[in-house]
Amino acid sequence: MKQSKHFLLTGGAGFIGSHLSEKLLSLGHKVTSIDNFDNFYSSIMKKKNLEISMTYSNFRFSELDIRNFNGLAEQLNESYDAIIHLAAKAGVLPSIQNPMEYTETNIIGTQNLLEYAINKGIKRFIFASSSSVYGLNPNVPWSENDNVLMPISPYAATKVSGELLGRVYSNIYGMQFLALRFFTVYGPRQRPDLAIHKFTKMIMDGSPIPFYGDGQTKRDYTYIDDIVNGIVGAIGFTESNYEIFNIGNNKPISLADLVKTIENVIGKKAKLKMLSNQIGDVPITYASIEKAHNLLNYTTTKNMNEGIQLFYNWYKTNANLNTLS
């Protein structure tokens, strides 16, 4: 990554995309970022996410929808070294409620970008997959070598589809396709629908937080800087044309312990609204990160308490963004 490159970044105004954009720009690279400001959450929040990137002269932004193939072909007419594809309809429960929207964006949109890459002669493609592809797999920690995927939501199925499309294009066209399975990303700018952001707001407001089951479901929460470093590591990987990597923390914590950690950081007790297990939920996510460590030099840097504190510091000055659109 010593030589300056030009990256086409989709979903660049989002939580992960904006952090990645800033990292790449700080390393001296050029970034063309696209986002459609999907109404899943506040566009004001996403536009604020872009503020630091916009201060760089080697940053370009276009409001574009990956479902619009003609728009991609017409407006993205520079030369790019690689596509980093983060744009997606996110969330397990919403995908059960509106599966067609997830198919259109996450599958058709991904295929549009792969076709665009072939037409433009772009030979490297990094795809944001998800830990959700493992579904109800009881073999923990989850390994990339486990070919028995058990997705239990339309969202998870679309991510499996993206990985398989990438394998097809890699085989036919010799494109390098790397799928990075992210595990429950958190930190400053986190989407407001995700647990840490939502719980923090509710505890601060004195509202009861939804507490599913007995509190023993576990998630492998991964701090945003670690995710970004995993992507940067993948950019430098040239040893093969198709690989899948887990980018996680390898230290799952329970829902009950998560709530306690947030309580301790905020200094306020949570009110709990006890609920039955949520549809589409899995009992545990747990990443084996041995492959990423060995091939991408991937390591984690933040424990849960440090990460929650950094999120809370951001939240205190940005809480009002939740209510804006």
Foldseek 3Di string as FASTA:
>chain_A
DLDAFEEEEEPLLADLNLVLLLVSVVSPYAYEYEYQCPVPFFSVLSVVSCVVSVVGPRYHYDHDALLDLVCCLVPVPDAGQEYEYDDADDDFVVCQVPVVRRCSRLQSSLVSVLVVCVVRVHQEYEYEAALLQQPQPPDPPDDPPPPDTDHQGSNSVSRVNSLVVLVVSCVPPVGAYEYEHEWAEDAARPDCVDDLNVQLVCQVVVHADEQEDPQQQKTQYAYSVLVSLLVVLVVPFDPDRYYYAYRTQQDIDTRVVLQVLLCVLVVTHHHHDYHYHDRSDYRYHGHDHVVSCVRSVGHGDDDPNRRSNRRVVNCVVCVVSRVHD
